[in-house]
Protein backbone atom coordinates (compact mmCIF):
# COMPACT_ATOMS: atom_id res chain seq x y z
CA MET A 1 -11.15 15.18 -17.92
CA THR A 2 -13.20 16.55 -15.04
CA PRO A 3 -11.89 18.85 -12.29
CA ASP A 4 -12.06 15.83 -9.94
CA ALA A 5 -9.33 13.99 -11.86
CA PRO A 6 -6.98 16.32 -13.73
CA PRO A 7 -3.76 14.97 -15.29
CA LEU A 8 -0.90 14.60 -12.84
CA ARG A 9 1.62 17.42 -13.12
CA ARG A 10 5.26 16.37 -13.46
CA ALA A 11 6.09 18.67 -10.55
CA ASP A 12 3.83 16.52 -8.35
CA LEU A 13 5.45 13.17 -9.16
CA GLY A 14 7.24 12.94 -5.83
CA ARG A 15 4.14 13.66 -3.77
CA ALA A 16 2.06 11.22 -5.87
CA ALA A 17 4.63 8.50 -5.25
CA GLU A 18 4.56 9.20 -1.49
CA VAL A 19 0.77 8.98 -1.36
CA THR A 20 0.85 5.71 -3.28
CA ALA A 21 3.55 4.23 -1.05
CA ASP A 22 1.48 5.12 2.03
CA ALA A 23 -1.65 3.61 0.43
CA PHE A 24 0.13 0.34 -0.43
CA ILE A 25 2.40 0.05 2.61
CA ASP A 26 0.49 -2.97 3.96
CA TYR A 27 -0.75 -4.25 0.60
CA GLU A 28 -0.90 -8.03 0.43
CA SER A 29 1.27 -8.39 -2.65
CA TYR A 30 4.15 -6.24 -1.39
CA THR A 31 4.54 -7.44 2.20
CA PRO A 32 5.84 -10.94 1.30
CA MET A 33 8.38 -9.53 -1.15
CA LEU A 34 9.48 -6.63 1.05
CA PRO A 35 8.96 -7.73 4.67
CA GLU A 36 10.69 -4.79 6.41
CA ARG A 37 8.22 -1.89 6.53
CA GLU A 38 10.47 1.15 6.12
CA HIS A 39 12.44 -0.57 3.37
CA ARG A 40 9.11 -1.39 1.72
CA ARG A 41 8.09 2.27 1.88
CA ARG A 42 11.33 3.39 0.19
CA VAL A 43 10.96 0.80 -2.55
CA LEU A 44 7.32 1.66 -3.18
CA ARG A 45 8.12 5.36 -3.45
CA TYR A 46 10.83 4.66 -5.99
CA LEU A 47 8.77 2.11 -7.94
CA HIS A 48 5.73 4.36 -8.27
CA ARG A 49 7.76 7.39 -9.20
CA VAL A 50 9.11 5.32 -12.11
CA LEU A 51 5.65 4.01 -13.00
CA PHE A 52 4.11 7.48 -12.98
CA ARG A 53 6.94 8.88 -15.11
CA TYR A 54 6.27 6.08 -17.57
CA GLY A 55 2.54 6.79 -17.40
CA LEU A 56 3.03 10.47 -18.19
CA ALA A 57 4.95 9.46 -21.31
CA TRP A 58 2.87 6.51 -22.59
CA GLY A 59 -0.27 6.25 -20.51
CA GLU A 60 -2.63 8.41 -18.44
CA VAL A 61 -2.00 9.49 -14.86
CA HIS A 62 -4.68 11.47 -13.05
CA ALA A 63 -4.62 12.89 -9.55
CA ALA A 64 -7.14 14.38 -7.17
CA PRO A 65 -6.71 18.18 -7.08
CA ASP A 66 -5.28 17.99 -3.54
CA LEU A 67 -3.16 14.92 -4.44
CA ALA A 68 -5.16 12.72 -2.07
CA GLY A 69 -5.32 10.02 -4.75
CA VAL A 70 -3.77 8.89 -8.02
CA ALA A 71 -4.99 6.71 -10.90
CA PHE A 72 -2.70 5.35 -13.61
CA TRP A 73 -4.09 3.74 -16.77
CA MET A 74 -2.37 2.17 -19.74
CA PRO A 75 -4.57 2.89 -22.79
CA ALA A 76 -6.26 0.31 -24.99
CA ARG A 77 -4.05 1.22 -27.95
CA ASN A 78 -0.98 0.06 -25.99
CA PRO A 79 -1.78 -1.64 -22.67
CA TRP A 80 1.64 -3.32 -22.28
CA PHE A 81 4.74 -1.93 -20.63
CA GLY A 82 7.83 -1.54 -22.81
CA HIS A 83 11.13 -2.69 -21.29
CA VAL A 84 13.14 0.09 -22.96
CA GLY A 85 10.68 2.74 -21.84
CA MET A 86 10.67 1.45 -18.27
CA ALA A 87 14.46 1.41 -18.22
CA TRP A 88 14.53 4.96 -19.60
CA GLN A 89 12.24 6.17 -16.82
CA GLY A 90 14.45 4.71 -14.08
CA MET A 91 13.51 1.07 -13.55
CA LEU A 92 17.18 0.05 -13.84
CA GLY A 93 17.71 1.62 -10.43
CA LEU A 94 15.09 -0.52 -8.69
CA PRO A 95 17.36 -3.51 -7.85
CA PHE A 96 19.75 -1.14 -6.09
CA VAL A 97 16.91 0.33 -4.01
CA ALA A 98 15.09 -2.95 -3.32
CA GLY A 99 18.06 -5.33 -3.18
CA TRP A 100 18.59 -8.07 -5.75
CA SER A 101 16.65 -10.78 -3.93
CA ALA A 102 13.57 -8.61 -3.49
CA PHE A 103 13.90 -7.32 -7.06
CA ARG A 104 13.86 -10.87 -8.45
CA ARG A 105 10.77 -11.70 -6.39
CA MET A 106 9.04 -8.57 -7.65
CA LEU A 107 9.91 -9.46 -11.24
CA ARG A 108 8.48 -12.97 -10.81
CA TYR A 109 5.22 -11.56 -9.49
CA PHE A 110 4.96 -8.88 -12.19
CA ASP A 111 5.64 -11.53 -14.86
CA PHE A 112 2.86 -13.62 -13.35
CA LEU A 113 0.48 -10.65 -13.59
CA ASP A 114 1.42 -9.97 -17.20
CA SER A 115 1.08 -13.58 -18.32
CA THR A 116 -2.31 -13.89 -16.61
CA ARG A 117 -3.55 -10.69 -18.23
CA LEU A 118 -2.33 -11.78 -21.66
CA LYS A 119 -4.19 -15.06 -21.28
CA LEU A 120 -7.41 -13.36 -20.21
CA LEU A 121 -7.32 -10.33 -22.51
CA PRO A 122 -5.18 -10.93 -25.60
CA GLY A 123 -6.94 -8.07 -27.42
CA PRO A 124 -7.11 -4.31 -26.81
CA HIS A 125 -8.12 -3.20 -23.32
CA ALA A 126 -7.47 -0.36 -20.92
CA TYR A 127 -5.41 -1.43 -17.92
CA LEU A 128 -5.84 0.21 -14.52
CA CYS A 129 -2.33 -0.21 -13.15
CA VAL A 130 -2.67 1.86 -9.99
CA LEU A 131 -5.52 3.35 -7.98
CA ALA A 132 -4.21 4.72 -4.70
CA VAL A 133 -5.79 6.98 -2.10
CA ASP A 134 -4.11 8.59 0.90
CA PRO A 135 -5.02 6.39 3.91
CA ALA A 136 -6.41 9.43 5.72
CA ARG A 137 -8.83 10.05 2.85
CA GLN A 138 -9.93 6.51 2.04
CA ARG A 139 -13.68 5.78 2.02
CA SER A 140 -14.37 9.46 1.34
CA GLY A 141 -15.11 9.22 -2.39
CA VAL A 142 -11.67 10.12 -3.74
CA GLY A 143 -11.21 6.80 -5.55
CA GLY A 144 -14.61 6.98 -7.19
CA ALA A 145 -14.01 10.56 -8.34
CA LEU A 146 -10.78 9.41 -9.99
CA LEU A 147 -12.35 6.35 -11.61
CA ARG A 148 -15.64 7.62 -12.99
CA PRO A 149 -14.38 10.01 -15.70
CA SER A 150 -12.11 7.34 -17.18
CA LEU A 151 -14.84 4.69 -17.05
CA GLN A 152 -17.27 7.04 -18.78
CA ARG A 153 -14.79 7.57 -21.61
CA LEU A 154 -14.21 3.84 -21.90
CA ASP A 155 -17.96 3.26 -22.10
CA ALA A 156 -18.28 5.85 -24.86
CA ALA A 157 -15.45 4.19 -26.79
CA GLY A 158 -16.76 0.64 -26.20
CA THR A 159 -13.50 -0.34 -24.49
CA VAL A 160 -12.92 -3.21 -22.05
CA ALA A 161 -11.05 -2.41 -18.82
CA TYR A 162 -8.96 -4.67 -16.58
CA LEU A 163 -7.28 -4.52 -13.19
CA GLU A 164 -5.76 -6.76 -10.54
CA THR A 165 -6.04 -6.63 -6.78
CA ALA A 166 -4.50 -8.67 -4.00
CA THR A 167 -6.86 -7.29 -1.35
CA PRO A 168 -10.11 -9.22 -0.83
CA ALA A 169 -12.05 -6.11 0.23
CA ASN A 170 -11.15 -4.41 -3.04
CA VAL A 171 -13.07 -7.02 -5.03
CA ALA A 172 -16.42 -5.75 -3.75
CA TYR A 173 -15.27 -2.15 -4.16
CA TYR A 174 -14.47 -2.57 -7.85
CA GLU A 175 -17.65 -4.57 -8.43
CA ARG A 176 -19.54 -1.39 -7.59
CA PHE A 177 -17.99 0.16 -10.72
CA GLY A 178 -18.90 -2.73 -13.01
CA PHE A 179 -15.79 -4.92 -12.74
CA ARG A 180 -16.21 -8.66 -12.26
CA VAL A 181 -13.74 -11.34 -11.23
CA VAL A 182 -12.42 -13.35 -14.18
CA ASP A 183 -9.42 -14.92 -12.46
CA ASP A 184 -8.58 -15.98 -8.91
CA SER A 185 -5.01 -17.29 -8.77
CA VAL A 186 -2.20 -17.84 -6.31
CA GLY A 187 1.08 -16.61 -7.75
CA PRO A 188 4.69 -16.41 -6.56
CA ASP A 189 5.21 -16.04 -2.80
CA ALA A 190 1.70 -17.48 -2.34
CA ILE A 191 0.15 -14.11 -3.24
CA ARG A 192 -3.51 -14.54 -4.05
CA THR A 193 -4.59 -12.15 -6.80
CA TRP A 194 -7.93 -11.41 -8.39
CA GLY A 195 -8.08 -10.33 -12.03
CA MET A 196 -11.14 -8.20 -12.79
CA ARG A 197 -12.67 -7.25 -16.13
CA ARG A 198 -15.16 -4.51 -16.93
CA ASP A 199 -17.15 -4.58 -20.16
CA PRO A 200 -18.33 -1.21 -21.47
CA ARG A 201 -21.79 -0.13 -20.46
CA ALA A 202 -24.31 1.24 -22.91
CA GLY A 203 -26.47 4.23 -22.18
CA PRO A 204 -26.27 6.78 -19.34
């Protein structure tokens, strides 16, 4: 791991979750499920704190040195979330933070993402679950600095990578790093989502 993307320290979980909530506050997949903005912020902070705790235990979570950005990968050896592990890291509290109606809508969308990914990539693959950059630092190279070391390791290992985005502008952004659209679907709550695959590159 390069100095640009060291592993996230457990002591920085709270700050990483805040940065991610700010980055995703107007994200197209969350606004239909959580229409009230401040409620959405609270839910996103809680959700990503749980996700990053899970990532520290079973995946890889990297942060910019100044915590301006965070990247969370599930590794190719185990790219699927475990229900027991998620519960252990605090997911059982999410319905009480989000409310039961919003929680059910979130579950439907997450199930849609999982079923689509299983259809497209039934075999081993690395899964980019989260790439978030502080809004004040976006378009300054933070995201690329977080992505490149992981992509280089995946290339060396010959590993396929996958991600989803619900933001049209992100499609072109990820294409710059070798991802290509392999699915364009409308899921629950009419959320349009692009699934993107990256095949490993040979050579420098």
